[in-house]
Protein backbone atom coordinates (compact mmCIF):
# COMPACT_ATOMS: atom_id res chain seq x y z
CA MET A 1 185.51 -7.41 -0.79
CA ARG A 2 188.09 -4.47 0.65
CA THR A 3 185.30 -1.81 -0.38
CA SER A 4 183.14 -3.81 1.70
CA PHE A 5 184.81 -3.86 4.86
CA ALA A 6 185.42 0.04 4.07
CA ILE A 7 182.10 0.55 4.04
CA VAL A 8 181.14 -1.19 7.34
CA ALA A 9 184.09 0.23 9.47
CA ILE A 10 183.00 3.92 8.26
CA VAL A 11 179.09 2.95 9.32
CA ALA A 12 180.77 1.91 12.65
CA THR A 13 182.64 4.52 13.18
CA LEU A 14 179.80 6.73 12.00
CA ALA A 15 177.37 4.60 14.64
CA SER A 16 180.00 5.15 17.76
CA SER A 17 180.29 8.98 17.08
CA VAL A 18 176.38 9.43 17.42
CA LEU A 19 176.22 7.50 20.11
CA ALA A 20 178.53 9.79 21.89
CA GLY A 21 177.41 12.50 23.93
CA GLY A 22 173.80 11.16 24.09
CA PRO A 23 171.93 11.23 27.40
CA GLU A 24 174.10 11.28 30.49
CA ILE A 25 173.38 10.80 34.70
CA CYS A 26 175.01 11.54 37.57
CA THR A 27 175.26 8.48 39.60
CA ASN A 28 175.09 7.87 43.35
CA ASN A 29 178.60 6.02 43.33
CA LYS A 30 181.93 7.53 42.05
CA ASP A 31 182.23 4.20 40.02
CA GLY A 32 178.94 4.75 37.88
CA SER A 33 176.67 2.47 40.04
CA GLY A 34 174.10 3.45 42.38
CA GLY A 35 171.22 4.61 40.24
CA THR A 36 170.57 8.04 39.35
CA ASN A 37 171.80 11.31 41.49
CA TYR A 38 168.59 12.89 40.79
CA GLN A 39 169.68 16.40 42.38
CA VAL A 40 173.43 16.01 41.04
CA THR A 41 172.36 15.78 37.72
CA LYS A 42 169.96 18.21 37.35
CA ASP A 43 172.23 20.57 38.95
CA CYS A 44 175.01 19.47 36.32
CA CYS A 45 172.94 19.45 33.22
CA ALA A 46 171.95 23.45 33.84
CA ALA A 47 175.48 24.18 35.25
CA VAL A 48 177.12 22.80 31.87
CA LYS A 49 177.25 24.86 29.13
CA GLN A 50 175.50 22.49 26.29
CA LYS A 51 172.16 22.41 24.18
CA ALA A 52 170.29 19.80 26.60
CA TYR A 53 167.87 20.11 29.20
CA PHE A 54 167.33 17.96 32.20
CA ASN A 55 164.14 15.60 31.37
CA GLU A 56 162.32 15.39 34.30
CA LEU A 57 160.10 12.32 33.03
CA SER A 58 163.56 10.31 32.78
CA HIS A 59 165.85 11.91 35.25
CA GLN A 60 168.70 12.25 32.53
CA CYS A 61 170.63 15.43 30.70
CA MET A 62 169.47 14.92 26.94
CA GLY A 63 170.01 17.03 23.67
CA TYR A 64 166.77 19.02 23.40
CA GLY A 65 166.26 16.58 20.23
CA GLY A 66 165.49 13.33 22.48
CA PRO A 67 167.75 10.26 23.45
CA LEU A 68 169.36 10.16 20.21
CA ASP A 69 170.82 13.93 20.09
CA ASN A 70 174.16 14.35 20.57
CA ALA A 71 174.14 17.02 22.44
CA VAL A 72 175.37 16.54 25.62
CA ASP A 73 178.74 17.70 26.57
CA THR A 74 179.85 14.34 28.38
CA GLY A 75 183.36 15.48 29.62
CA LYS A 76 181.82 18.44 31.11
CA MET A 77 179.02 16.24 32.97
CA VAL A 78 181.23 13.95 34.09
CA GLU A 79 183.97 16.74 35.22
CA CYS A 80 180.49 18.55 37.24
CA CYS A 81 179.12 15.36 38.72
CA SER A 82 182.55 14.23 40.32
CA SER A 83 183.15 17.85 41.38
CA ARG A 84 180.05 16.86 43.57
CA GLY A 85 181.32 13.71 44.52
CA ALA A 86 179.14 11.49 42.61
CA GLY A 87 179.57 9.38 39.49
CA SER A 88 178.70 9.28 35.97
CA LYS A 89 177.68 7.28 32.51
CA ALA A 90 175.82 7.77 29.39
CA VAL A 91 172.54 6.21 29.59
């Protein structure tokens, strides 16, 4: 029983780690609402040193491996969006 719980805890931790750093957008409102701010998202995705690109179809900053890639530097994206008067959120 303890082994099963330990395995579940490890899997849950790894799953949450994989999701962190996925696609990110800058939003129109500082609280993370209001939809995607296209230009700020594009600018920040280019400005932050990371292995990611701005996807023109989805208007998201994401890793070259696609939506499940863990390449976006979320902390730096948040800082960049905020410095330009926008909010941010992971998508």
